[in-house]
Amino acid sequence: MNIIGKRYWFFGLSLLIIIPGIIALALGGLRPSIDFTGGTMLEILFNSGKAPTPDEIRTALENVSIAAPGEKLENIQIQTLGADGIVLRVQQIDQATIDSIIATLSEAFDGVTLNMADNVGAAVGGEVAQRAAGAVALAAIGIALYVWFAFRKLPNASRYGMAAVFSLVHDVLVLLGLEAILGLVLGWEADALFLTALLTVIGFSVHDTIVVFDRIRENRVKHKYAPFETVVNHSIVQTLDRSINTTLTVLFTLLAMVLFGGVTTRHFIVILLVGMASGAYSSIFNAAAILVVWENREWEKWFSRFRRPSNAKA
């Protein structure tokens, strides 16, 4: 199996997956939840057993005023919660306004039950967003340093750390793009659980990547005179069964949780499911291939066609 020989096909497949997500990000599909922006979230169950449509709910709430005289609810975001519930997100409001919302919906739709109310200030939300970005950046830096240290006896050990980080960037872009697409299509929002899933996928991806890199280290000693590209391809083939088997075990479990688990955790599990698949893909087909590209300095060939021949006339 010449996996490394087809590395540009796998790079191209990664781009085909990432580009739609980037477009969705540019269109504003990534919607931070109140965990990051601040606001009020209400989980409401309808006693009738069937939740009304989002448009019907917005129409019912048109006349609800908030604390400041004359101000109305803004940026009402509604997400279904099973057949009989919704998650309602609005700007930060006080308890009196919450009571008014519940009373209005109860009158309009034959009774409702407030299952949960969560209020997050804008300052707290902004601080959480900064810490979330810092957590992802710190994880990437820590991983690069750890991988460099673990493979320090190999030539160009820093490349292994950077290749692992490039693989992580691939997985992060896949998940951000997926979240943006789901935000545009289903109205899903990126909350604290999304960050948890993101960091979990980063850890899983690095774990799989290190297994491949460790086999490369062993084979470089056993086959010291073989070309680097051959050693890398041989190492990937040797670890392929192990990587696929361990990944499928996790994916089958997560798929069962998506199909038969609760609605409240479905968003989190879907992100984990796609992230685990992306992490396994990038570890097998991208991380080690980046080492080969770096070793061969192949970017020089990419841009050589644009260079002007030295003997060309002005």
Protein backbone atom coordinates (compact mmCIF):
# COMPACT_ATOMS: atom_id res chain seq x y z
CA MET A 1 0.00 0.00 0.00
CA ASN A 2 1.67 3.17 -1.19
CA ILE A 3 -0.13 5.63 1.09
CA ILE A 4 2.65 8.23 1.09
CA GLY A 5 2.88 8.10 -2.70
CA LYS A 6 -0.73 9.31 -2.84
CA ARG A 7 -0.25 12.00 -0.19
CA TYR A 8 -1.44 14.85 -2.39
CA TRP A 9 -4.70 13.04 -3.02
CA PHE A 10 -5.23 12.88 0.73
CA PHE A 11 -4.25 16.55 1.12
CA GLY A 12 -6.79 17.38 -1.56
CA LEU A 13 -9.51 15.39 0.20
CA SER A 14 -8.79 17.33 3.39
CA LEU A 15 -9.23 20.59 1.49
CA LEU A 16 -12.54 19.40 0.05
CA ILE A 17 -13.74 18.76 3.60
CA ILE A 18 -12.39 21.98 5.09
CA ILE A 19 -13.35 24.51 2.37
CA PRO A 20 -17.17 24.23 2.83
CA GLY A 21 -16.65 24.79 6.54
CA ILE A 22 -14.55 27.89 5.89
CA ILE A 23 -17.31 29.23 3.64
CA ALA A 24 -19.85 28.57 6.41
CA LEU A 25 -17.57 30.37 8.89
CA ALA A 26 -17.37 33.37 6.53
CA LEU A 27 -21.17 33.40 6.34
CA GLY A 28 -21.41 33.68 10.12
CA GLY A 29 -22.48 30.10 10.75
CA LEU A 30 -20.42 29.74 13.93
CA ARG A 31 -22.78 31.01 16.60
CA PRO A 32 -21.27 31.33 20.09
CA SER A 33 -23.73 30.44 22.83
CA ILE A 34 -24.38 32.50 25.92
CA ASP A 35 -21.47 30.63 27.53
CA PHE A 36 -19.22 32.92 25.47
CA THR A 37 -21.35 35.98 24.67
CA GLY A 38 -23.50 36.39 27.77
CA GLY A 39 -27.30 36.25 27.90
CA THR A 40 -30.14 34.15 29.24
CA MET A 41 -31.02 30.58 28.29
CA LEU A 42 -34.38 29.04 29.15
CA GLU A 43 -35.26 25.38 28.73
CA ILE A 44 -39.04 25.18 28.35
CA LEU A 45 -41.33 22.15 28.08
CA PHE A 46 -44.84 22.41 26.60
CA ASN A 47 -47.60 20.61 28.49
CA SER A 48 -49.45 19.82 25.27
CA GLY A 49 -46.72 17.34 24.34
CA LYS A 50 -45.76 19.14 21.14
CA ALA A 51 -43.65 22.26 20.83
CA PRO A 52 -44.89 25.04 18.50
CA THR A 53 -42.77 26.27 15.63
CA PRO A 54 -40.08 28.91 16.25
CA ASP A 55 -42.09 31.47 14.26
CA GLU A 56 -45.15 30.90 16.45
CA ILE A 57 -43.04 31.37 19.58
CA ARG A 58 -41.49 34.60 18.28
CA THR A 59 -44.95 35.94 17.42
CA ALA A 60 -46.19 35.15 20.94
CA LEU A 61 -43.22 36.97 22.50
CA GLU A 62 -43.52 40.15 20.41
CA ASN A 63 -45.20 42.10 23.21
CA VAL A 64 -42.96 40.95 26.07
CA SER A 65 -40.98 43.90 27.46
CA ILE A 66 -37.73 43.66 29.38
CA ALA A 67 -36.71 45.71 32.42
CA ALA A 68 -35.94 48.91 30.54
CA PRO A 69 -39.18 50.68 29.50
CA GLY A 70 -40.00 50.33 25.83
CA GLU A 71 -37.33 47.71 25.07
CA LYS A 72 -38.25 44.38 23.58
CA LEU A 73 -36.59 40.98 23.42
CA GLU A 74 -33.86 40.91 20.77
CA ASN A 75 -32.00 38.18 18.88
CA ILE A 76 -34.38 35.46 20.01
CA GLN A 77 -32.76 32.10 19.22
CA ILE A 78 -34.83 28.94 19.45
CA GLN A 79 -33.60 25.36 19.33
CA THR A 80 -35.90 22.34 19.55
CA LEU A 81 -35.45 19.96 22.48
CA GLY A 82 -37.21 16.75 21.59
CA ALA A 83 -40.84 16.83 20.52
CA ASP A 84 -42.18 18.84 23.46
CA GLY A 85 -39.42 21.27 24.40
CA ILE A 86 -37.32 24.20 23.27
CA VAL A 87 -34.18 26.03 24.33
CA LEU A 88 -34.80 29.78 24.21
CA ARG A 89 -31.83 32.19 24.15
CA VAL A 90 -32.15 35.98 24.45
CA GLN A 91 -30.12 38.90 25.73
CA GLN A 92 -29.51 39.03 29.47
CA ILE A 93 -32.82 39.55 31.29
CA ASP A 94 -33.98 39.67 34.91
CA GLN A 95 -36.28 37.29 36.78
CA ALA A 96 -39.34 39.45 36.19
CA THR A 97 -38.86 39.21 32.43
CA ILE A 98 -38.36 35.45 32.68
CA ASP A 99 -41.64 35.17 34.56
CA SER A 100 -43.33 37.30 31.90
CA ILE A 101 -42.02 35.03 29.12
CA ILE A 102 -43.24 31.90 30.88
CA ALA A 103 -46.67 33.45 31.57
CA THR A 104 -47.03 34.59 27.94
CA LEU A 105 -46.08 31.19 26.49
CA SER A 106 -48.25 29.36 29.00
CA GLU A 107 -51.28 31.42 27.98
CA ALA A 108 -50.59 31.10 24.26
CA PHE A 109 -49.84 27.36 24.18
CA ASP A 110 -51.97 25.76 26.93
CA GLY A 111 -49.37 25.62 29.67
CA VAL A 112 -45.58 25.36 29.82
CA THR A 113 -42.98 24.31 32.40
CA LEU A 114 -39.68 26.11 32.96
CA ASN A 115 -37.18 23.28 33.22
CA MET A 116 -34.02 25.38 33.55
CA ALA A 117 -32.92 29.03 33.50
CA ASP A 118 -29.29 30.07 33.05
CA ASN A 119 -28.08 33.68 33.14
CA VAL A 120 -24.53 34.58 32.07
CA GLY A 121 -23.21 38.14 32.15
CA ALA A 122 -21.50 39.61 29.08
CA ALA A 123 -18.23 40.15 30.97
CA VAL A 124 -18.16 36.54 32.15
CA GLY A 125 -18.97 35.30 28.66
CA GLY A 126 -16.13 37.35 27.14
CA GLU A 127 -13.68 36.01 29.69
CA VAL A 128 -14.75 32.42 28.95
CA ALA A 129 -14.26 33.02 25.21
CA GLN A 130 -10.73 34.33 25.78
CA ARG A 131 -9.86 31.40 28.01
CA ALA A 132 -11.28 28.97 25.46
CA ALA A 133 -9.00 30.34 22.73
CA GLY A 134 -6.09 30.32 25.18
CA ALA A 135 -6.78 26.69 26.12
CA VAL A 136 -6.64 25.54 22.50
CA ALA A 137 -3.45 27.55 21.83
CA LEU A 138 -1.80 26.28 25.02
CA ALA A 139 -2.69 22.70 24.14
CA ALA A 140 -1.10 23.09 20.68
CA ILE A 141 2.10 24.59 22.11
CA GLY A 142 2.34 21.94 24.82
CA ILE A 143 1.84 19.15 22.29
CA ALA A 144 4.52 20.55 19.96
CA LEU A 145 7.04 20.77 22.81
CA TYR A 146 6.19 17.31 24.14
CA VAL A 147 6.49 15.60 20.75
CA TRP A 148 9.76 17.42 20.05
CA PHE A 149 11.15 16.23 23.42
CA ALA A 150 9.93 12.65 22.91
CA PHE A 151 11.66 12.41 19.52
CA ARG A 152 14.67 14.55 20.38
CA LYS A 153 17.16 11.78 19.44
CA LEU A 154 15.95 11.75 15.84
CA PRO A 155 17.30 14.17 13.20
CA ASN A 156 15.12 17.27 12.86
CA ALA A 157 13.07 16.32 15.91
CA SER A 158 11.22 19.66 15.88
CA ARG A 159 9.56 18.64 12.62
CA TYR A 160 7.65 15.90 14.40
CA GLY A 161 6.19 18.41 16.84
CA MET A 162 5.22 20.82 14.07
CA ALA A 163 3.72 18.03 11.95
CA ALA A 164 1.58 16.99 14.93
CA VAL A 165 0.39 20.60 15.32
CA PHE A 166 -0.43 20.88 11.59
CA SER A 167 -2.49 17.71 11.98
CA LEU A 168 -4.29 19.31 14.93
CA VAL A 169 -5.00 22.44 12.90
CA HIS A 170 -6.65 20.18 10.31
CA ASP A 171 -8.92 18.67 12.97
CA VAL A 172 -9.76 22.05 14.52
CA LEU A 173 -10.70 23.47 11.11
CA VAL A 174 -12.88 20.44 10.38
CA LEU A 175 -14.77 20.83 13.67
CA LEU A 176 -15.12 24.61 13.41
CA GLY A 177 -16.41 24.22 9.87
CA LEU A 178 -18.82 21.48 10.91
CA GLU A 179 -20.12 23.63 13.77
CA ALA A 180 -20.59 26.56 11.38
CA ILE A 181 -22.50 24.39 8.89
CA LEU A 182 -24.70 22.99 11.65
CA GLY A 183 -25.24 26.55 12.86
CA LEU A 184 -26.50 27.62 9.44
CA VAL A 185 -28.63 24.51 8.84
CA LEU A 186 -29.90 23.56 12.31
CA GLY A 187 -29.23 26.68 14.36
CA TRP A 188 -26.81 24.89 16.69
CA GLU A 189 -24.56 27.04 18.85
CA ALA A 190 -20.99 26.52 20.04
CA ASP A 191 -21.13 26.16 23.83
CA ALA A 192 -18.81 24.94 26.58
CA LEU A 193 -19.47 21.31 25.59
CA PHE A 194 -18.24 22.10 22.07
CA LEU A 195 -14.96 23.31 23.56
CA THR A 196 -14.78 20.13 25.64
CA ALA A 197 -15.29 18.01 22.52
CA LEU A 198 -12.65 20.04 20.65
CA LEU A 199 -10.00 19.51 23.33
CA THR A 200 -10.90 15.81 23.58
CA VAL A 201 -10.42 15.37 19.84
CA ILE A 202 -7.06 17.17 20.02
CA GLY A 203 -5.87 14.72 22.66
CA PHE A 204 -7.12 11.70 20.71
CA SER A 205 -5.55 12.89 17.46
CA VAL A 206 -2.15 13.42 19.07
CA HIS A 207 -2.31 9.99 20.70
CA ASP A 208 -2.82 8.33 17.31
CA THR A 209 -0.16 10.51 15.65
CA ILE A 210 2.46 9.62 18.25
CA VAL A 211 1.85 5.91 17.61
CA VAL A 212 2.69 6.41 13.92
CA PHE A 213 5.69 8.61 14.72
CA ASP A 214 7.01 6.08 17.24
CA ARG A 215 6.93 3.35 14.60
CA ILE A 216 8.80 5.69 12.24
CA ARG A 217 11.46 6.11 14.93
CA GLU A 218 11.82 2.33 15.29
CA ASN A 219 12.00 1.72 11.56
CA ARG A 220 14.59 4.45 11.00
CA VAL A 221 16.91 2.44 13.24
CA LYS A 222 16.07 -0.90 11.60
CA HIS A 223 16.21 0.42 8.04
CA LYS A 224 18.78 3.19 8.36
CA TYR A 225 19.77 3.05 4.68
CA ALA A 226 16.24 3.01 3.26
CA PRO A 227 14.78 6.24 1.80
CA PHE A 228 12.84 8.27 4.35
CA GLU A 229 9.65 8.13 2.28
CA THR A 230 9.83 4.32 2.21
CA VAL A 231 10.36 4.13 5.97
CA VAL A 232 7.39 6.42 6.65
CA ASN A 233 5.08 4.49 4.33
CA HIS A 234 6.15 1.18 5.88
CA SER A 235 5.46 2.59 9.35
CA ILE A 236 1.97 3.76 8.41
CA VAL A 237 1.07 0.37 6.92
CA GLN A 238 2.31 -1.38 10.06
CA THR A 239 0.12 0.75 12.34
CA LEU A 240 -2.88 0.98 9.99
CA ASP A 241 -4.80 -2.00 11.41
CA ARG A 242 -4.28 -0.81 14.97
CA SER A 243 -5.39 2.75 14.16
CA ILE A 244 -8.49 1.68 12.27
CA ASN A 245 -9.57 -0.89 14.86
CA THR A 246 -9.23 1.43 17.85
CA THR A 247 -10.97 4.26 15.99
CA LEU A 248 -13.90 2.08 14.87
CA THR A 249 -14.43 0.92 18.45
CA VAL A 250 -14.87 4.53 19.55
CA LEU A 251 -16.95 5.51 16.50
CA PHE A 252 -19.44 2.66 16.94
CA THR A 253 -19.96 3.63 20.58
CA LEU A 254 -20.48 7.29 19.72
CA LEU A 255 -22.82 6.41 16.85
CA ALA A 256 -24.98 4.37 19.21
CA MET A 257 -25.13 7.35 21.59
CA VAL A 258 -26.18 9.66 18.73
CA LEU A 259 -28.96 7.31 17.62
CA PHE A 260 -30.27 6.24 21.01
CA GLY A 261 -28.94 8.83 23.47
CA GLY A 262 -30.64 11.90 24.83
CA VAL A 263 -31.28 15.05 22.85
CA THR A 264 -29.36 17.26 25.25
CA THR A 265 -26.05 15.46 24.57
CA ARG A 266 -26.54 14.87 20.83
CA HIS A 267 -24.69 18.03 19.78
CA PHE A 268 -21.69 17.09 21.92
CA ILE A 269 -21.63 13.49 20.67
CA VAL A 270 -21.93 14.48 17.00
CA ILE A 271 -18.91 16.79 17.33
CA LEU A 272 -16.96 14.01 19.07
CA LEU A 273 -17.97 11.49 16.40
CA VAL A 274 -16.79 13.62 13.48
CA GLY A 275 -13.73 14.80 15.41
CA MET A 276 -12.56 11.27 16.22
CA ALA A 277 -12.91 10.27 12.56
CA SER A 278 -11.04 13.39 11.48
CA GLY A 279 -8.31 12.78 14.08
CA ALA A 280 -7.72 9.23 12.86
CA TYR A 281 -7.67 10.40 9.24
CA SER A 282 -5.19 13.22 9.86
CA SER A 283 -2.91 10.97 11.94
CA ILE A 284 -2.73 8.32 9.22
CA PHE A 285 -2.84 10.32 6.02
CA ASN A 286 -1.63 13.84 6.90
CA ALA A 287 0.79 13.99 9.85
CA ALA A 288 3.40 11.55 8.53
CA ALA A 289 2.97 12.83 4.97
CA ILE A 290 3.88 16.33 6.19
CA LEU A 291 7.19 14.90 7.44
CA VAL A 292 7.93 13.56 3.95
CA VAL A 293 7.04 16.87 2.30
CA TRP A 294 9.31 18.65 4.77
CA GLU A 295 12.16 16.15 4.35
CA ASN A 296 12.03 16.47 0.53
CA ARG A 297 11.49 20.24 0.65
CA GLU A 298 8.75 19.73 -1.90
CA TRP A 299 7.49 23.30 -1.64
CA GLU A 300 10.50 24.29 -3.76
CA LYS A 301 9.02 22.24 -6.61
CA TRP A 302 5.59 23.81 -6.09
CA PHE A 303 6.90 27.30 -6.85
CA SER A 304 9.68 26.40 -9.31
CA ARG A 305 7.34 26.82 -12.28
CA PHE A 306 6.90 30.48 -11.37
CA ARG A 307 10.62 31.18 -11.26
CA ARG A 308 12.18 32.91 -14.19
CA PRO A 309 15.02 30.95 -15.84
CA SER A 310 18.44 32.46 -15.11
CA ASN A 311 19.34 32.56 -18.81
CA ALA A 312 16.12 34.28 -19.83
CA LYS A 313 16.49 37.58 -21.60
CA ALA A 314 15.07 40.70 -20.04
